[in-house]
Amino acid sequence: AGETFLEYDGVSLETGPLDETGLSPIGVGICLLEAAAEGFIAESG
């Protein structure tokens, strides 16, 4: 429901933002699926 929870035991993961929208490595797969379904297609081939 729009909330993200990290679960781990004594370790940490770099999840700093890659751009101004807050995209982080942990969310890349979801971002790509959203682009596939709803992104504005500027080029194709």
All heavy atoms as atom14 arrays in JSON, in Angstrom:
{
  "sequence": "AGETFLEYDGVSLETGPLDETGLSPIGVGICLLEAAAEGFIAESG",
  "atom14_mask": [
    [1, 1, 1, 1, 1, 0, 0, 0, 0, 0, 0, 0, 0, 0],
    [1, 1, 1, 1, 0, 0, 0, 0, 0, 0, 0, 0, 0, 0],
    [1, 1, 1, 1, 1, 1, 1, 1, 1, 0, 0, 0, 0, 0],
    [1, 1, 1, 1, 1, 1, 1, 0, 0, 0, 0, 0, 0, 0],
    [1, 1, 1, 1, 1, 1, 1, 1, 1, 1, 1, 0, 0, 0],
    [1, 1, 1, 1, 1, 1, 1, 1, 0, 0, 0, 0, 0, 0],
    [1, 1, 1, 1, 1, 1, 1, 1, 1, 0, 0, 0, 0, 0],
    [1, 1, 1, 1, 1, 1, 1, 1, 1, 1, 1, 1, 0, 0],
    [1, 1, 1, 1, 1, 1, 1, 1, 0, 0, 0, 0, 0, 0],
    [1, 1, 1, 1, 0, 0, 0, 0, 0, 0, 0, 0, 0, 0],
    [1, 1, 1, 1, 1, 1, 1, 0, 0, 0, 0, 0, 0, 0],
    [1, 1, 1, 1, 1, 1, 0, 0, 0, 0, 0, 0, 0, 0],
    [1, 1, 1, 1, 1, 1, 1, 1, 0, 0, 0, 0, 0, 0],
    [1, 1, 1, 1, 1, 1, 1, 1, 1, 0, 0, 0, 0, 0],
    [1, 1, 1, 1, 1, 1, 1, 0, 0, 0, 0, 0, 0, 0],
    [1, 1, 1, 1, 0, 0, 0, 0, 0, 0, 0, 0, 0, 0],
    [1, 1, 1, 1, 1, 1, 1, 0, 0, 0, 0, 0, 0, 0],
    [1, 1, 1, 1, 1, 1, 1, 1, 0, 0, 0, 0, 0, 0],
    [1, 1, 1, 1, 1, 1, 1, 1, 0, 0, 0, 0, 0, 0],
    [1, 1, 1, 1, 1, 1, 1, 1, 1, 0, 0, 0, 0, 0],
    [1, 1, 1, 1, 1, 1, 1, 0, 0, 0, 0, 0, 0, 0],
    [1, 1, 1, 1, 0, 0, 0, 0, 0, 0, 0, 0, 0, 0],
    [1, 1, 1, 1, 1, 1, 1, 1, 0, 0, 0, 0, 0, 0],
    [1, 1, 1, 1, 1, 1, 0, 0, 0, 0, 0, 0, 0, 0],
    [1, 1, 1, 1, 1, 1, 1, 0, 0, 0, 0, 0, 0, 0],
    [1, 1, 1, 1, 1, 1, 1, 1, 0, 0, 0, 0, 0, 0],
    [1, 1, 1, 1, 0, 0, 0, 0, 0, 0, 0, 0, 0, 0],
    [1, 1, 1, 1, 1, 1, 1, 0, 0, 0, 0, 0, 0, 0],
    [1, 1, 1, 1, 0, 0, 0, 0, 0, 0, 0, 0, 0, 0],
    [1, 1, 1, 1, 1, 1, 1, 1, 0, 0, 0, 0, 0, 0],
    [1, 1, 1, 1, 1, 1, 0, 0, 0, 0, 0, 0, 0, 0],
    [1, 1, 1, 1, 1, 1, 1, 1, 0, 0, 0, 0, 0, 0],
    [1, 1, 1, 1, 1, 1, 1, 1, 0, 0, 0, 0, 0, 0],
    [1, 1, 1, 1, 1, 1, 1, 1, 1, 0, 0, 0, 0, 0],
    [1, 1, 1, 1, 1, 0, 0, 0, 0, 0, 0, 0, 0, 0],
    [1, 1, 1, 1, 1, 0, 0, 0, 0, 0, 0, 0, 0, 0],
    [1, 1, 1, 1, 1, 0, 0, 0, 0, 0, 0, 0, 0, 0],
    [1, 1, 1, 1, 1, 1, 1, 1, 1, 0, 0, 0, 0, 0],
    [1, 1, 1, 1, 0, 0, 0, 0, 0, 0, 0, 0, 0, 0],
    [1, 1, 1, 1, 1, 1, 1, 1, 1, 1, 1, 0, 0, 0],
    [1, 1, 1, 1, 1, 1, 1, 1, 0, 0, 0, 0, 0, 0],
    [1, 1, 1, 1, 1, 0, 0, 0, 0, 0, 0, 0, 0, 0],
    [1, 1, 1, 1, 1, 1, 1, 1, 1, 0, 0, 0, 0, 0],
    [1, 1, 1, 1, 1, 1, 0, 0, 0, 0, 0, 0, 0, 0],
    [1, 1, 1, 1, 0, 0, 0, 0, 0, 0, 0, 0, 0, 0]
  ],
  "atom14_positions": [
    [[0.82, -1.22, 0.0], [0.0, 0.0, 0.0], [0.86, 1.27, 0.0], [0.6, 2.21, 0.74], [-0.95, 0.0, 1.2], [0.0, 0.0, 0.0], [0.0, 0.0, 0.0], [0.0, 0.0, 0.0], [0.0, 0.0, 0.0], [0.0, 0.0, 0.0], [0.0, 0.0, 0.0], [0.0, 0.0, 0.0], [0.0, 0.0, 0.0], [0.0, 0.0, 0.0]],
    [[1.9, 1.26, -0.84], [2.72, 2.44, -0.98], [3.79, 2.61, 0.07], [4.57, 3.57, 0.02], [0.0, 0.0, 0.0], [0.0, 0.0, 0.0], [0.0, 0.0, 0.0], [0.0, 0.0, 0.0], [0.0, 0.0, 0.0], [0.0, 0.0, 0.0], [0.0, 0.0, 0.0], [0.0, 0.0, 0.0], [0.0, 0.0, 0.0], [0.0, 0.0, 0.0]],
    [[3.88, 1.71, 1.04], [4.9, 1.79, 2.07], [5.94, 0.71, 1.85], [5.64, -0.4, 1.43], [4.28, 1.62, 3.46], [3.3, 2.74, 3.81], [2.75, 2.58, 5.22], [2.61, 1.42, 5.66], [2.48, 3.59, 5.87], [0.0, 0.0, 0.0], [0.0, 0.0, 0.0], [0.0, 0.0, 0.0], [0.0, 0.0, 0.0], [0.0, 0.0, 0.0]],
    [[7.21, 1.03, 2.15], [8.31, 0.1, 1.95], [8.95, -0.22, 3.29], [9.27, 0.68, 4.07], [9.36, 0.67, 1.0], [8.74, 0.99, -0.25], [10.48, -0.33, 0.76], [0.0, 0.0, 0.0], [0.0, 0.0, 0.0], [0.0, 0.0, 0.0], [0.0, 0.0, 0.0], [0.0, 0.0, 0.0], [0.0, 0.0, 0.0], [0.0, 0.0, 0.0]],
    [[9.15, -1.5, 3.56], [9.78, -1.94, 4.79], [11.0, -2.78, 4.43], [10.91, -3.69, 3.6], [8.82, -2.79, 5.62], [7.54, -2.09, 5.97], [6.44, -2.19, 5.12], [7.43, -1.3, 7.1], [5.25, -1.55, 5.42], [6.25, -0.65, 7.41], [5.15, -0.77, 6.57], [0.0, 0.0, 0.0], [0.0, 0.0, 0.0], [0.0, 0.0, 0.0]],
    [[12.17, -2.47, 5.03], [13.37, -3.28, 4.85], [13.53, -4.21, 6.04], [13.44, -3.77, 7.19], [14.61, -2.39, 4.73], [14.86, -1.7, 3.39], [16.14, -0.87, 3.47], [14.96, -2.7, 2.26], [0.0, 0.0, 0.0], [0.0, 0.0, 0.0], [0.0, 0.0, 0.0], [0.0, 0.0, 0.0], [0.0, 0.0, 0.0], [0.0, 0.0, 0.0]],
    [[13.74, -5.49, 5.75], [13.91, -6.49, 6.79], [15.3, -7.09, 6.67], [15.67, -7.61, 5.61], [12.85, -7.58, 6.64], [11.43, -7.04, 6.68], [10.39, -8.07, 6.27], [10.79, -9.19, 5.89], [9.19, -7.75, 6.32], [0.0, 0.0, 0.0], [0.0, 0.0, 0.0], [0.0, 0.0, 0.0], [0.0, 0.0, 0.0], [0.0, 0.0, 0.0]],
    [[16.11, -7.0, 7.72], [17.48, -7.52, 7.66], [17.98, -7.78, 9.07], [17.35, -7.38, 10.06], [18.41, -6.55, 6.94], [18.46, -5.16, 7.54], [19.39, -4.85, 8.53], [17.58, -4.17, 7.13], [19.44, -3.58, 9.08], [17.61, -2.91, 7.67], [18.55, -2.61, 8.64], [18.58, -1.35, 9.19], [0.0, 0.0, 0.0], [0.0, 0.0, 0.0]],
    [[19.14, -8.45, 9.15], [19.72, -8.83, 10.44], [21.17, -8.39, 10.49], [22.06, -9.09, 10.03], [19.62, -10.36, 10.62], [20.16, -10.81, 11.98], [20.37, -9.94, 12.86], [20.39, -12.03, 12.14], [0.0, 0.0, 0.0], [0.0, 0.0, 0.0], [0.0, 0.0, 0.0], [0.0, 0.0, 0.0], [0.0, 0.0, 0.0], [0.0, 0.0, 0.0]],
    [[21.39, -7.2, 11.0], [22.75, -6.73, 11.22], [23.5, -6.25, 10.01], [24.71, -6.02, 10.08], [0.0, 0.0, 0.0], [0.0, 0.0, 0.0], [0.0, 0.0, 0.0], [0.0, 0.0, 0.0], [0.0, 0.0, 0.0], [0.0, 0.0, 0.0], [0.0, 0.0, 0.0], [0.0, 0.0, 0.0], [0.0, 0.0, 0.0], [0.0, 0.0, 0.0]],
    [[22.84, -6.09, 8.87], [23.51, -5.59, 7.68], [22.7, -4.45, 7.09], [21.54, -4.25, 7.44], [23.69, -6.71, 6.62], [24.66, -7.75, 7.1], [22.36, -7.35, 6.26], [0.0, 0.0, 0.0], [0.0, 0.0, 0.0], [0.0, 0.0, 0.0], [0.0, 0.0, 0.0], [0.0, 0.0, 0.0], [0.0, 0.0, 0.0], [0.0, 0.0, 0.0]],
    [[23.31, -3.72, 6.17], [22.6, -2.59, 5.55], [22.83, -2.62, 4.05], [23.8, -3.2, 3.56], [23.09, -1.25, 6.12], [24.47, -1.08, 5.86], [0.0, 0.0, 0.0], [0.0, 0.0, 0.0], [0.0, 0.0, 0.0], [0.0, 0.0, 0.0], [0.0, 0.0, 0.0], [0.0, 0.0, 0.0], [0.0, 0.0, 0.0], [0.0, 0.0, 0.0]],
    [[21.95, -1.99, 3.33], [21.99, -1.95, 1.87], [21.91, -0.52, 1.4], [21.09, 0.25, 1.88], [20.81, -2.76, 1.29], [20.61, -2.7, -0.22], [21.76, -3.4, -0.93], [19.29, -3.35, -0.6], [0.0, 0.0, 0.0], [0.0, 0.0, 0.0], [0.0, 0.0, 0.0], [0.0, 0.0, 0.0], [0.0, 0.0, 0.0], [0.0, 0.0, 0.0]],
    [[22.78, -0.14, 0.46], [22.75, 1.2, -0.12], [21.48, 1.36, -0.93], [21.28, 0.7, -1.95], [23.97, 1.41, -1.02], [23.91, 2.69, -1.84], [23.87, 3.93, -0.99], [24.9, 4.27, -0.41], [22.8, 4.55, -0.91], [0.0, 0.0, 0.0], [0.0, 0.0, 0.0], [0.0, 0.0, 0.0], [0.0, 0.0, 0.0], [0.0, 0.0, 0.0]],
    [[20.58, 2.21, -0.46], [19.33, 2.45, -1.18], [19.13, 3.95, -1.42], [18.02, 4.43, -1.5], [18.11, 1.9, -0.41], [18.06, 2.51, 0.89], [18.2, 0.4, -0.26], [0.0, 0.0, 0.0], [0.0, 0.0, 0.0], [0.0, 0.0, 0.0], [0.0, 0.0, 0.0], [0.0, 0.0, 0.0], [0.0, 0.0, 0.0], [0.0, 0.0, 0.0]],
    [[20.24, 4.67, -1.47], [20.14, 6.1, -1.75], [19.53, 6.35, -3.11], [19.57, 5.5, -3.99], [0.0, 0.0, 0.0], [0.0, 0.0, 0.0], [0.0, 0.0, 0.0], [0.0, 0.0, 0.0], [0.0, 0.0, 0.0], [0.0, 0.0, 0.0], [0.0, 0.0, 0.0], [0.0, 0.0, 0.0], [0.0, 0.0, 0.0], [0.0, 0.0, 0.0]],
    [[18.94, 7.53, -3.31], [18.26, 7.81, -4.57], [19.23, 7.94, -5.73], [20.32, 8.48, -5.6], [17.54, 9.14, -4.29], [18.35, 9.78, -3.2], [18.87, 8.65, -2.36], [0.0, 0.0, 0.0], [0.0, 0.0, 0.0], [0.0, 0.0, 0.0], [0.0, 0.0, 0.0], [0.0, 0.0, 0.0], [0.0, 0.0, 0.0], [0.0, 0.0, 0.0]],
    [[18.82, 7.39, -6.89], [19.6, 7.52, -8.12], [19.23, 8.77, -8.89], [19.96, 9.21, -9.77], [19.37, 6.29, -9.0], [19.99, 4.98, -8.47], [19.36, 3.79, -9.17], [21.48, 4.98, -8.66], [0.0, 0.0, 0.0], [0.0, 0.0, 0.0], [0.0, 0.0, 0.0], [0.0, 0.0, 0.0], [0.0, 0.0, 0.0], [0.0, 0.0, 0.0]],
    [[18.06, 9.34, -8.62], [17.65, 10.57, -9.28], [16.74, 11.34, -8.35], [16.47, 10.94, -7.22], [16.98, 10.29, -10.63], [15.66, 9.54, -10.5], [15.19, 9.34, -9.36], [15.1, 9.15, -11.53], [0.0, 0.0, 0.0], [0.0, 0.0, 0.0], [0.0, 0.0, 0.0], [0.0, 0.0, 0.0], [0.0, 0.0, 0.0], [0.0, 0.0, 0.0]],
    [[16.27, 12.51, -8.83], [15.49, 13.39, -7.98], [14.13, 12.82, -7.62], [13.46, 13.3, -6.7], [15.32, 14.76, -8.65], [14.43, 14.77, -9.89], [15.16, 14.29, -11.14], [16.36, 13.97, -11.05], [14.51, 14.23, -12.21], [0.0, 0.0, 0.0], [0.0, 0.0, 0.0], [0.0, 0.0, 0.0], [0.0, 0.0, 0.0], [0.0, 0.0, 0.0]],
    [[13.67, 11.78, -8.31], [12.38, 11.17, -7.99], [12.46, 10.2, -6.83], [11.44, 9.71, -6.36], [11.82, 10.42, -9.22], [12.65, 9.28, -9.49], [11.77, 11.31, -10.44], [0.0, 0.0, 0.0], [0.0, 0.0, 0.0], [0.0, 0.0, 0.0], [0.0, 0.0, 0.0], [0.0, 0.0, 0.0], [0.0, 0.0, 0.0], [0.0, 0.0, 0.0]],
    [[13.68, 9.92, -6.36], [13.83, 9.0, -5.24], [14.03, 7.56, -5.64], [14.01, 6.67, -4.79], [0.0, 0.0, 0.0], [0.0, 0.0, 0.0], [0.0, 0.0, 0.0], [0.0, 0.0, 0.0], [0.0, 0.0, 0.0], [0.0, 0.0, 0.0], [0.0, 0.0, 0.0], [0.0, 0.0, 0.0], [0.0, 0.0, 0.0], [0.0, 0.0, 0.0]],
    [[14.22, 7.29, -6.93], [14.46, 5.92, -7.38], [15.7, 5.36, -6.7], [16.74, 5.99, -6.66], [14.65, 5.89, -8.89], [15.08, 4.55, -9.51], [13.96, 3.53, -9.37], [15.47, 4.74, -10.96], [0.0, 0.0, 0.0], [0.0, 0.0, 0.0], [0.0, 0.0, 0.0], [0.0, 0.0, 0.0], [0.0, 0.0, 0.0], [0.0, 0.0, 0.0]],
    [[15.59, 4.14, -6.15], [16.72, 3.48, -5.51], [16.92, 2.1, -6.13], [16.01, 1.58, -6.78], [16.49, 3.37, -4.0], [15.44, 2.47, -3.72], [0.0, 0.0, 0.0], [0.0, 0.0, 0.0], [0.0, 0.0, 0.0], [0.0, 0.0, 0.0], [0.0, 0.0, 0.0], [0.0, 0.0, 0.0], [0.0, 0.0, 0.0], [0.0, 0.0, 0.0]],
    [[18.09, 1.47, -5.93], [18.33, 0.16, -6.55], [17.28, -0.88, -6.2], [16.91, -1.71, -7.03], [19.71, -0.23, -6.0], [20.37, 1.07, -5.7], [19.27, 1.99, -5.24], [0.0, 0.0, 0.0], [0.0, 0.0, 0.0], [0.0, 0.0, 0.0], [0.0, 0.0, 0.0], [0.0, 0.0, 0.0], [0.0, 0.0, 0.0], [0.0, 0.0, 0.0]],
    [[16.78, -0.85, -4.97], [15.83, -1.86, -4.53], [14.53, -1.79, -5.32], [13.81, -2.78, -5.44], [15.55, -1.72, -3.01], [15.09, -3.05, -2.42], [14.58, -0.61, -2.72], [16.17, -4.05, -2.2], [0.0, 0.0, 0.0], [0.0, 0.0, 0.0], [0.0, 0.0, 0.0], [0.0, 0.0, 0.0], [0.0, 0.0, 0.0], [0.0, 0.0, 0.0]],
    [[14.21, -0.62, -5.89], [12.94, -0.46, -6.58], [13.04, -0.47, -8.09], [12.04, -0.21, -8.78], [0.0, 0.0, 0.0], [0.0, 0.0, 0.0], [0.0, 0.0, 0.0], [0.0, 0.0, 0.0], [0.0, 0.0, 0.0], [0.0, 0.0, 0.0], [0.0, 0.0, 0.0], [0.0, 0.0, 0.0], [0.0, 0.0, 0.0], [0.0, 0.0, 0.0]],
    [[14.23, -0.8, -8.63], [14.43, -0.72, -10.08], [13.51, -1.67, -10.84], [12.92, -1.31, -11.86], [15.91, -0.99, -10.41], [16.07, -1.29, -11.89], [16.77, 0.2, -10.02], [0.0, 0.0, 0.0], [0.0, 0.0, 0.0], [0.0, 0.0, 0.0], [0.0, 0.0, 0.0], [0.0, 0.0, 0.0], [0.0, 0.0, 0.0], [0.0, 0.0, 0.0]],
    [[13.38, -2.91, -10.37], [12.53, -3.88, -11.07], [11.1, -3.4, -11.19], [10.46, -3.52, -12.25], [0.0, 0.0, 0.0], [0.0, 0.0, 0.0], [0.0, 0.0, 0.0], [0.0, 0.0, 0.0], [0.0, 0.0, 0.0], [0.0, 0.0, 0.0], [0.0, 0.0, 0.0], [0.0, 0.0, 0.0], [0.0, 0.0, 0.0], [0.0, 0.0, 0.0]],
    [[10.58, -2.84, -10.1], [9.21, -2.32, -10.11], [9.1, -1.15, -11.08], [8.12, -1.03, -11.83], [8.8, -1.9, -8.7], [8.77, -3.12, -7.77], [7.44, -1.21, -8.7], [8.53, -2.78, -6.33], [0.0, 0.0, 0.0], [0.0, 0.0, 0.0], [0.0, 0.0, 0.0], [0.0, 0.0, 0.0], [0.0, 0.0, 0.0], [0.0, 0.0, 0.0]],
    [[10.1, -0.28, -11.08], [10.09, 0.88, -11.98], [10.03, 0.43, -13.44], [9.28, 1.0, -14.24], [11.33, 1.72, -11.73], [11.49, 3.16, -12.82], [0.0, 0.0, 0.0], [0.0, 0.0, 0.0], [0.0, 0.0, 0.0], [0.0, 0.0, 0.0], [0.0, 0.0, 0.0], [0.0, 0.0, 0.0], [0.0, 0.0, 0.0], [0.0, 0.0, 0.0]],
    [[10.79, -0.61, -13.79], [10.8, -1.09, -15.17], [9.45, -1.69, -15.55], [8.96, -1.49, -16.68], [11.91, -2.12, -15.36], [13.34, -1.6, -15.18], [14.33, -2.74, -15.34], [13.65, -0.48, -16.16], [0.0, 0.0, 0.0], [0.0, 0.0, 0.0], [0.0, 0.0, 0.0], [0.0, 0.0, 0.0], [0.0, 0.0, 0.0], [0.0, 0.0, 0.0]],
    [[8.81, -2.43, -14.64], [7.5, -2.99, -14.92], [6.46, -1.89, -15.11], [5.59, -1.99, -15.98], [7.07, -3.93, -13.79], [7.81, -5.26, -13.7], [7.38, -6.02, -12.45], [7.57, -6.11, -14.94], [0.0, 0.0, 0.0], [0.0, 0.0, 0.0], [0.0, 0.0, 0.0], [0.0, 0.0, 0.0], [0.0, 0.0, 0.0], [0.0, 0.0, 0.0]],
    [[6.55, -0.84, -14.31], [5.62, 0.28, -14.47], [5.82, 0.97, -15.81], [4.86, 1.37, -16.47], [5.81, 1.27, -13.32], [5.33, 0.74, -11.97], [5.59, 1.7, -10.83], [6.37, 2.67, -11.03], [5.04, 1.49, -9.74], [0.0, 0.0, 0.0], [0.0, 0.0, 0.0], [0.0, 0.0, 0.0], [0.0, 0.0, 0.0], [0.0, 0.0, 0.0]],
    [[7.08, 1.12, -16.22], [7.35, 1.73, -17.52], [6.8, 0.87, -18.65], [6.24, 1.39, -19.63], [8.85, 1.94, -17.71], [0.0, 0.0, 0.0], [0.0, 0.0, 0.0], [0.0, 0.0, 0.0], [0.0, 0.0, 0.0], [0.0, 0.0, 0.0], [0.0, 0.0, 0.0], [0.0, 0.0, 0.0], [0.0, 0.0, 0.0], [0.0, 0.0, 0.0]],
    [[6.93, -0.46, -18.52], [6.42, -1.36, -19.55], [4.91, -1.24, -19.7], [4.37, -1.33, -20.81], [6.8, -2.81, -19.22], [0.0, 0.0, 0.0], [0.0, 0.0, 0.0], [0.0, 0.0, 0.0], [0.0, 0.0, 0.0], [0.0, 0.0, 0.0], [0.0, 0.0, 0.0], [0.0, 0.0, 0.0], [0.0, 0.0, 0.0], [0.0, 0.0, 0.0]],
    [[4.21, -1.03, -18.59], [2.75, -0.98, -18.62], [2.2, 0.41, -18.93], [1.17, 0.54, -19.59], [2.18, -1.47, -17.29], [0.0, 0.0, 0.0], [0.0, 0.0, 0.0], [0.0, 0.0, 0.0], [0.0, 0.0, 0.0], [0.0, 0.0, 0.0], [0.0, 0.0, 0.0], [0.0, 0.0, 0.0], [0.0, 0.0, 0.0], [0.0, 0.0, 0.0]],
    [[2.89, 1.46, -18.45], [2.26, 2.78, -18.48], [3.15, 3.9, -18.99], [2.69, 5.03, -19.15], [1.76, 3.14, -17.07], [0.76, 2.14, -16.5], [0.38, 2.46, -15.07], [0.89, 3.46, -14.52], [-0.42, 1.7, -14.5], [0.0, 0.0, 0.0], [0.0, 0.0, 0.0], [0.0, 0.0, 0.0], [0.0, 0.0, 0.0], [0.0, 0.0, 0.0]],
    [[4.44, 3.63, -19.22], [5.34, 4.7, -19.62], [5.02, 5.26, -20.99], [4.55, 4.54, -21.88], [0.0, 0.0, 0.0], [0.0, 0.0, 0.0], [0.0, 0.0, 0.0], [0.0, 0.0, 0.0], [0.0, 0.0, 0.0], [0.0, 0.0, 0.0], [0.0, 0.0, 0.0], [0.0, 0.0, 0.0], [0.0, 0.0, 0.0], [0.0, 0.0, 0.0]],
    [[5.29, 6.54, -21.18], [5.09, 7.17, -22.48], [6.17, 6.68, -23.43], [7.37, 6.83, -23.17], [5.15, 8.7, -22.37], [5.06, 9.4, -23.69], [3.82, 9.62, -24.29], [6.2, 9.82, -24.36], [3.73, 10.27, -25.52], [6.12, 10.46, -25.59], [4.88, 10.68, -26.17], [0.0, 0.0, 0.0], [0.0, 0.0, 0.0], [0.0, 0.0, 0.0]],
    [[5.76, 6.05, -24.53], [6.7, 5.45, -25.48], [7.14, 6.5, -26.49], [6.36, 6.92, -27.35], [6.08, 4.24, -26.18], [5.67, 3.18, -25.14], [7.06, 3.63, -27.19], [4.88, 2.03, -25.72], [0.0, 0.0, 0.0], [0.0, 0.0, 0.0], [0.0, 0.0, 0.0], [0.0, 0.0, 0.0], [0.0, 0.0, 0.0], [0.0, 0.0, 0.0]],
    [[8.4, 6.91, -26.38], [8.93, 7.93, -27.28], [9.56, 7.32, -28.52], [9.55, 7.94, -29.59], [9.96, 8.79, -26.55], [0.0, 0.0, 0.0], [0.0, 0.0, 0.0], [0.0, 0.0, 0.0], [0.0, 0.0, 0.0], [0.0, 0.0, 0.0], [0.0, 0.0, 0.0], [0.0, 0.0, 0.0], [0.0, 0.0, 0.0], [0.0, 0.0, 0.0]],
    [[10.13, 6.12, -28.4], [10.77, 5.46, -29.53], [10.54, 3.95, -29.42], [10.4, 3.41, -28.33], [12.28, 5.72, -29.54], [12.68, 7.18, -29.67], [14.19, 7.37, -29.59], [14.92, 6.35, -29.69], [14.62, 8.52, -29.41], [0.0, 0.0, 0.0], [0.0, 0.0, 0.0], [0.0, 0.0, 0.0], [0.0, 0.0, 0.0], [0.0, 0.0, 0.0]],
    [[10.51, 3.28, -30.56], [10.39, 1.82, -30.57], [11.08, 1.27, -31.82], [11.16, 1.95, -32.85], [8.92, 1.38, -30.55], [8.23, 1.83, -31.69], [0.0, 0.0, 0.0], [0.0, 0.0, 0.0], [0.0, 0.0, 0.0], [0.0, 0.0, 0.0], [0.0, 0.0, 0.0], [0.0, 0.0, 0.0], [0.0, 0.0, 0.0], [0.0, 0.0, 0.0]],
    [[11.58, 0.06, -31.71], [12.24, -0.55, -32.86], [12.79, -1.91, -32.49], [12.83, -2.29, -31.32], [0.0, 0.0, 0.0], [0.0, 0.0, 0.0], [0.0, 0.0, 0.0], [0.0, 0.0, 0.0], [0.0, 0.0, 0.0], [0.0, 0.0, 0.0], [0.0, 0.0, 0.0], [0.0, 0.0, 0.0], [0.0, 0.0, 0.0], [0.0, 0.0, 0.0]]
  ]
}
